[in-house]
N, C-alpha and C. Protein backbone atom coordinates (compact mmCIF):
# COMPACT_ATOMS: atom_id res chain seq x y z
N MET A 1 -13.67 122.81 207.88
CA MET A 1 -14.26 121.02 207.58
C MET A 1 -13.94 121.78 205.70
N ASN A 2 -13.31 120.56 204.73
CA ASN A 2 -12.62 120.78 203.41
C ASN A 2 -12.97 119.59 203.15
N ILE A 3 -13.22 119.08 201.77
CA ILE A 3 -13.32 118.33 200.85
C ILE A 3 -12.13 118.36 199.90
N LEU A 4 -11.52 117.59 199.92
CA LEU A 4 -10.31 117.64 198.85
C LEU A 4 -10.35 116.40 197.72
N GLU A 5 -10.02 116.81 196.66
CA GLU A 5 -10.05 116.01 195.63
C GLU A 5 -8.32 115.37 195.98
N GLN A 6 -8.20 114.16 195.66
CA GLN A 6 -7.31 113.28 196.39
C GLN A 6 -6.39 113.56 194.93
N PRO A 7 -5.02 113.99 194.56
CA PRO A 7 -3.95 113.68 193.37
C PRO A 7 -3.09 112.43 193.41
N ARG A 8 -2.81 111.96 192.01
CA ARG A 8 -2.07 111.05 192.54
C ARG A 8 -0.58 111.29 192.20
N PRO A 9 -0.08 110.57 193.07
CA PRO A 9 1.82 110.89 193.30
C PRO A 9 1.82 110.99 191.86
N GLN A 10 3.00 112.40 192.34
CA GLN A 10 3.70 112.49 191.17
C GLN A 10 5.14 112.03 191.42
N ILE A 11 6.04 112.72 190.28
CA ILE A 11 7.51 111.85 190.35
C ILE A 11 7.87 112.85 191.21
N THR A 12 9.33 112.63 191.82
CA THR A 12 9.87 113.42 192.37
C THR A 12 11.26 113.62 192.80
N PRO A 13 12.12 114.40 192.52
CA PRO A 13 13.68 115.01 193.24
C PRO A 13 14.29 113.36 193.65
N ILE A 14 13.62 112.49 194.37
CA ILE A 14 14.14 111.68 195.16
C ILE A 14 13.41 110.60 193.94
N PRO A 15 14.91 109.29 193.86
CA PRO A 15 14.78 108.07 192.48
C PRO A 15 13.64 107.12 193.11
N GLY A 16 12.83 106.80 191.85
CA GLY A 16 11.77 106.12 192.42
C GLY A 16 10.49 106.54 193.26
N VAL A 17 11.03 107.52 194.32
CA VAL A 17 9.44 108.38 194.84
C VAL A 17 8.50 108.58 194.33
N ALA A 18 7.18 108.77 193.91
CA ALA A 18 6.44 109.42 193.82
C ALA A 18 5.62 110.06 194.79
N HIS A 19 5.16 111.51 194.93
CA HIS A 19 4.52 111.83 196.62
C HIS A 19 3.37 112.63 195.95
N ALA A 20 1.97 112.31 196.77
CA ALA A 20 1.08 113.31 197.18
C ALA A 20 0.86 113.41 198.12
N THR A 21 0.84 115.32 199.07
CA THR A 21 0.48 115.38 200.56
C THR A 21 -1.04 115.83 199.74
N TRP A 22 -1.67 114.43 200.61
CA TRP A 22 -3.16 114.68 200.69
C TRP A 22 -4.25 115.74 201.64
N ALA A 23 -3.46 115.79 202.94
CA ALA A 23 -4.00 116.51 204.13
C ALA A 23 -2.75 117.50 205.11
N GLY A 24 -2.88 118.32 205.24
CA GLY A 24 -1.85 119.01 205.80
C GLY A 24 -2.10 120.27 206.42
N ALA A 25 -1.23 121.51 206.74
CA ALA A 25 -1.13 122.66 207.59
C ALA A 25 -2.30 123.41 206.53
N ALA A 26 -1.85 123.34 204.86
CA ALA A 26 -2.35 124.32 204.51
C ALA A 26 -4.12 123.75 204.10
N ASP A 27 -4.36 122.88 204.49
CA ASP A 27 -5.89 122.62 204.58
C ASP A 27 -6.79 122.73 205.63
N GLY A 28 -5.98 123.31 206.89
CA GLY A 28 -6.71 123.79 207.81
C GLY A 28 -6.36 123.30 208.95
N LEU A 29 -5.41 122.03 208.59
CA LEU A 29 -5.08 121.11 209.50
C LEU A 29 -4.37 121.63 210.63
N SER A 30 -3.91 120.87 212.07
CA SER A 30 -3.50 121.79 213.31
C SER A 30 -2.69 120.87 213.65
N GLN A 31 -2.90 119.33 213.51
CA GLN A 31 -2.22 118.18 214.31
C GLN A 31 -1.77 116.95 213.42
N LEU A 32 -2.15 116.89 211.84
CA LEU A 32 -2.14 115.99 211.50
C LEU A 32 -1.58 116.04 210.15
N SER A 33 -1.47 115.07 209.21
CA SER A 33 -0.94 115.63 207.62
C SER A 33 -1.01 113.66 207.29
N VAL A 34 -1.51 113.89 205.78
CA VAL A 34 -1.53 112.74 205.27
C VAL A 34 -1.01 113.01 204.15
N TRP A 35 -0.10 111.81 203.63
CA TRP A 35 1.10 111.78 202.14
C TRP A 35 0.15 110.01 201.63
N ARG A 36 0.34 110.45 200.34
CA ARG A 36 0.61 109.01 199.58
C ARG A 36 1.40 108.74 198.67
N GLN A 37 2.44 107.73 198.90
CA GLN A 37 3.67 107.76 197.60
C GLN A 37 3.24 106.31 197.14
N THR A 38 3.99 106.46 195.97
CA THR A 38 4.66 104.91 194.91
C THR A 38 6.29 104.59 195.01
N LEU A 39 6.82 103.81 195.69
CA LEU A 39 8.04 103.41 195.30
C LEU A 39 7.97 102.74 194.29
N ALA A 40 8.84 102.67 193.74
CA ALA A 40 8.97 102.13 192.16
C ALA A 40 10.00 100.74 192.97
N PRO A 41 9.55 99.64 192.06
CA PRO A 41 10.63 98.79 192.39
C PRO A 41 12.18 98.65 192.90
N GLY A 42 12.59 98.36 193.76
CA GLY A 42 13.66 98.73 193.85
C GLY A 42 14.25 99.49 194.98
N ALA A 43 12.94 100.88 194.74
CA ALA A 43 13.77 102.07 195.33
C ALA A 43 13.27 102.41 196.62
N ALA A 44 13.77 103.60 197.14
CA ALA A 44 13.54 103.13 198.85
C ALA A 44 13.62 104.85 199.14
N THR A 45 12.98 104.62 200.36
CA THR A 45 13.01 106.85 200.90
C THR A 45 14.39 106.71 201.40
N PRO A 46 14.60 107.92 201.34
CA PRO A 46 15.75 108.22 202.39
C PRO A 46 15.95 108.01 204.20
N PRO A 47 16.86 107.27 204.71
CA PRO A 47 16.85 107.20 205.87
C PRO A 47 16.79 108.51 206.47
N HIS A 48 15.77 108.41 207.62
CA HIS A 48 15.37 109.60 207.80
C HIS A 48 14.38 109.62 209.43
N ARG A 49 14.19 110.23 209.89
CA ARG A 49 12.94 110.25 210.96
C ARG A 49 12.49 111.69 211.21
N HIS A 50 11.68 111.54 211.87
CA HIS A 50 10.15 112.53 212.16
C HIS A 50 10.33 112.68 213.71
N ASP A 51 9.93 113.92 213.69
CA ASP A 51 9.91 114.78 215.75
C ASP A 51 8.07 114.12 215.84
N CYS A 52 7.65 113.62 215.18
CA CYS A 52 6.22 113.36 215.50
C CYS A 52 5.91 111.40 215.30
N ASP A 53 5.49 110.84 215.72
CA ASP A 53 4.43 109.56 215.77
C ASP A 53 4.10 109.80 213.59
N GLU A 54 4.26 108.29 212.95
CA GLU A 54 4.15 108.27 212.18
C GLU A 54 2.97 106.70 211.65
N VAL A 55 2.23 106.91 210.93
CA VAL A 55 1.51 105.17 210.60
C VAL A 55 1.99 105.13 209.50
N VAL A 56 2.11 104.04 208.37
CA VAL A 56 2.41 103.51 207.29
C VAL A 56 0.78 102.72 206.84
N LEU A 57 0.52 103.03 206.07
CA LEU A 57 -0.41 102.03 205.15
C LEU A 57 -0.60 101.48 204.16
N CYS A 58 0.29 100.19 204.26
CA CYS A 58 0.18 99.76 202.56
C CYS A 58 -0.36 98.81 201.78
N LEU A 59 -1.36 100.09 200.89
CA LEU A 59 -2.25 99.56 200.28
C LEU A 59 -1.48 98.02 199.19
N GLN A 60 -0.43 98.24 198.41
CA GLN A 60 -0.25 96.91 197.48
C GLN A 60 1.64 97.06 197.50
N GLY A 61 1.99 96.14 197.38
CA GLY A 61 3.12 95.51 197.49
C GLY A 61 4.10 95.36 198.43
N ASP A 62 5.23 95.03 198.41
CA ASP A 62 5.79 94.46 199.17
C ASP A 62 7.04 95.54 199.50
N GLY A 63 7.14 95.12 200.74
CA GLY A 63 8.44 96.17 201.19
C GLY A 63 9.21 95.40 202.65
N GLU A 64 10.02 96.29 203.15
CA GLU A 64 10.77 96.20 204.19
C GLU A 64 10.67 97.83 204.76
N VAL A 65 10.88 98.06 205.99
CA VAL A 65 11.22 98.94 207.12
C VAL A 65 12.63 98.62 208.00
N HIS A 66 13.61 99.22 207.57
CA HIS A 66 14.93 99.17 208.50
C HIS A 66 14.65 100.26 209.52
N SER A 67 14.61 99.72 210.73
CA SER A 67 14.86 100.89 212.01
C SER A 67 15.72 100.03 213.15
N GLU A 68 16.04 100.82 214.02
CA GLU A 68 17.06 100.74 215.10
C GLU A 68 17.86 99.30 214.80
N GLY A 69 18.38 99.02 213.62
CA GLY A 69 19.30 97.33 213.50
C GLY A 69 18.02 96.29 213.14
N GLN A 70 16.98 97.13 213.10
CA GLN A 70 15.85 95.67 212.73
C GLN A 70 15.39 95.37 211.21
N VAL A 71 15.11 94.49 210.78
CA VAL A 71 14.83 94.61 209.24
C VAL A 71 13.52 93.71 209.28
N ARG A 72 12.14 94.75 209.19
CA ARG A 72 10.86 93.88 209.37
C ARG A 72 9.96 93.93 208.00
N ARG A 73 9.34 92.54 207.37
CA ARG A 73 8.50 93.19 206.25
C ARG A 73 7.13 93.08 206.08
N PHE A 74 6.69 93.43 205.60
CA PHE A 74 5.54 94.23 205.16
C PHE A 74 5.11 93.97 204.06
N GLY A 75 3.50 94.03 203.67
CA GLY A 75 2.78 93.68 202.25
C GLY A 75 1.93 94.42 202.90
N ALA A 76 0.94 94.32 201.24
CA ALA A 76 -0.28 95.28 200.95
C ALA A 76 -1.28 94.31 202.53
N ASP A 77 -2.25 95.67 202.35
CA ASP A 77 -3.31 95.34 204.18
C ASP A 77 -2.60 95.37 204.89
N THR A 78 -1.10 95.93 205.53
CA THR A 78 -0.59 95.72 206.87
C THR A 78 -0.57 97.64 206.91
N THR A 79 -0.23 97.77 208.72
CA THR A 79 0.36 98.82 209.06
C THR A 79 1.54 98.58 209.81
N VAL A 80 2.27 99.85 209.32
CA VAL A 80 3.55 99.76 209.90
C VAL A 80 2.98 100.86 210.60
N THR A 81 3.43 100.97 212.01
CA THR A 81 3.91 101.89 213.23
C THR A 81 5.13 102.34 213.32
N LEU A 82 5.24 103.85 213.41
CA LEU A 82 7.16 104.29 213.41
C LEU A 82 7.04 105.30 214.65
N PRO A 83 7.31 105.08 215.59
CA PRO A 83 7.72 106.11 216.86
C PRO A 83 8.30 107.34 216.51
N ALA A 84 7.98 108.54 217.10
CA ALA A 84 8.53 109.46 216.84
C ALA A 84 10.04 109.23 217.21
N ARG A 85 10.96 110.02 216.33
CA ARG A 85 12.28 110.10 216.80
C ARG A 85 12.84 108.84 216.14
N ARG A 86 12.64 108.05 215.58
CA ARG A 86 13.14 106.95 215.24
C ARG A 86 14.17 106.76 213.87
N ASP A 87 15.10 106.47 213.64
CA ASP A 87 15.41 106.52 212.20
C ASP A 87 14.73 105.45 211.72
N HIS A 88 14.49 105.64 210.56
CA HIS A 88 13.81 104.20 209.54
C HIS A 88 14.19 104.90 207.99
N GLN A 89 13.93 103.75 207.26
CA GLN A 89 14.04 103.97 206.22
C GLN A 89 12.88 103.10 205.30
N ILE A 90 12.38 103.07 204.43
CA ILE A 90 11.67 101.93 203.83
C ILE A 90 11.89 101.52 202.21
N PHE A 91 11.63 100.27 201.72
CA PHE A 91 12.11 100.05 200.68
C PHE A 91 11.18 98.92 200.30
N ASN A 92 11.14 99.07 198.64
CA ASN A 92 10.44 98.47 197.88
C ASN A 92 10.92 97.25 197.49
N THR A 93 10.78 96.27 197.73
CA THR A 93 11.55 95.15 197.73
C THR A 93 10.90 94.03 196.54
N GLY A 94 9.73 94.48 196.44
CA GLY A 94 9.32 93.59 195.19
C GLY A 94 9.09 94.11 193.63
N ALA A 95 8.43 93.34 192.81
CA ALA A 95 8.31 93.63 191.11
C ALA A 95 7.64 94.42 191.05
N GLN A 96 6.67 95.27 191.75
CA GLN A 96 5.94 95.94 191.28
C GLN A 96 5.80 97.38 192.13
N PRO A 97 5.38 98.23 191.94
CA PRO A 97 5.21 99.41 192.59
C PRO A 97 4.78 99.21 193.80
N MET A 98 4.69 100.12 194.91
CA MET A 98 4.33 99.50 196.09
C MET A 98 3.87 101.22 196.06
N GLU A 99 2.54 100.84 196.89
CA GLU A 99 1.24 102.14 197.24
C GLU A 99 1.29 101.87 198.77
N ILE A 100 1.53 103.24 199.26
CA ILE A 100 1.20 103.51 200.90
C ILE A 100 1.01 104.62 200.84
N ILE A 101 0.07 105.33 201.91
CA ILE A 101 -0.18 106.62 202.81
C ILE A 101 0.52 106.43 203.67
N GLY A 102 0.95 107.52 204.83
CA GLY A 102 1.65 108.07 205.66
C GLY A 102 0.67 109.07 206.64
N VAL A 103 0.61 108.78 207.75
CA VAL A 103 -0.65 109.83 208.26
C VAL A 103 0.64 110.19 209.41
N PHE A 104 0.93 111.20 209.74
CA PHE A 104 1.79 111.84 210.76
C PHE A 104 0.73 112.82 211.64
N ALA A 105 1.53 112.28 212.86
CA ALA A 105 0.76 113.15 213.75
C ALA A 105 1.33 114.48 213.95
N ALA A 106 1.93 115.52 212.99
CA ALA A 106 1.80 116.97 213.31
C ALA A 106 2.09 117.42 211.56
N THR A 107 1.89 119.17 211.84
CA THR A 107 1.73 119.80 210.25
C THR A 107 2.47 120.82 210.56
N PRO A 108 3.14 121.10 209.88
CA PRO A 108 4.04 120.29 208.84
C PRO A 108 4.90 119.36 209.23
N VAL A 109 5.25 118.11 209.03
CA VAL A 109 6.12 117.33 209.31
C VAL A 109 7.71 117.20 209.28
N ALA A 110 8.23 117.57 210.53
CA ALA A 110 9.94 117.74 210.15
C ALA A 110 9.81 116.31 210.31
N THR A 111 10.94 116.34 209.34
CA THR A 111 12.00 115.40 208.68
C THR A 111 13.37 115.68 208.62
N ARG A 112 14.24 114.52 209.45
CA ARG A 112 15.86 114.88 209.89
C ARG A 112 16.16 113.53 209.41
N LEU A 113 17.65 113.73 208.88
CA LEU A 113 18.49 113.01 208.75
C LEU A 113 19.31 111.89 210.09
N PRO A 114 19.24 111.21 209.84
CA PRO A 114 19.83 110.46 210.97
C PRO A 114 20.76 111.43 211.48
N ASP A 115 21.84 112.01 211.22
CA ASP A 115 22.71 112.75 211.79
C ASP A 115 21.80 113.79 212.54
N GLY A 116 20.50 114.08 212.56
CA GLY A 116 19.65 115.34 212.73
C GLY A 116 19.68 116.83 212.30
N GLN A 117 20.37 116.30 211.33
CA GLN A 117 19.79 117.62 210.39
C GLN A 117 18.75 117.32 209.17
N PRO A 118 18.23 118.65 209.41
CA PRO A 118 17.17 118.79 208.28
C PRO A 118 17.11 118.21 206.99
N LEU A 119 16.06 117.51 206.87
CA LEU A 119 15.63 116.62 205.34
C LEU A 119 14.97 116.97 204.99
N GLU A 120 15.31 118.44 204.08
CA GLU A 120 14.47 119.61 203.08
C GLU A 120 13.72 118.55 202.29
N LEU A 121 12.24 117.95 201.50
CA LEU A 121 11.85 117.16 201.18
C LEU A 121 11.07 118.34 200.35
N PRO A 122 11.50 117.66 198.45
CA PRO A 122 10.57 118.14 197.78
C PRO A 122 9.50 118.52 197.36
N TRP A 123 8.27 118.27 198.17
CA TRP A 123 7.07 118.88 198.53
C TRP A 123 6.55 119.45 199.84
N ARG A 124 4.89 119.75 199.71
CA ARG A 124 4.36 120.23 200.80
C ARG A 124 4.15 119.44 202.10
N THR A 125 4.75 119.69 202.69
CA THR A 125 5.06 118.95 203.96
C THR A 125 3.53 119.27 205.17
């Protein structure tokens, strides 16, 4: 068991995306990862997919998730479920920063581009 101090998301090389890994393999987990991200107004994640299920909890802001030709809007106090191996991209469509928590059914979190090539993330996965 660990009690972890939760850092605030820090700026990353991905434009408009700040990130903090809150829990994962480095914290003794074998099947779960938790990330917190802040997306600036107009920012988006790269299009990508994971080899595991993902749940995104929106704490504040307004966004869209694009996946499999669909565009779905969401906002604060909503949950987005993303099944494994489905390409998706999350956009902040609001005028304020969007705060999200990602919960993944794996650690480390394998992330791939839509063409299947690995997407090397600039943070602890």
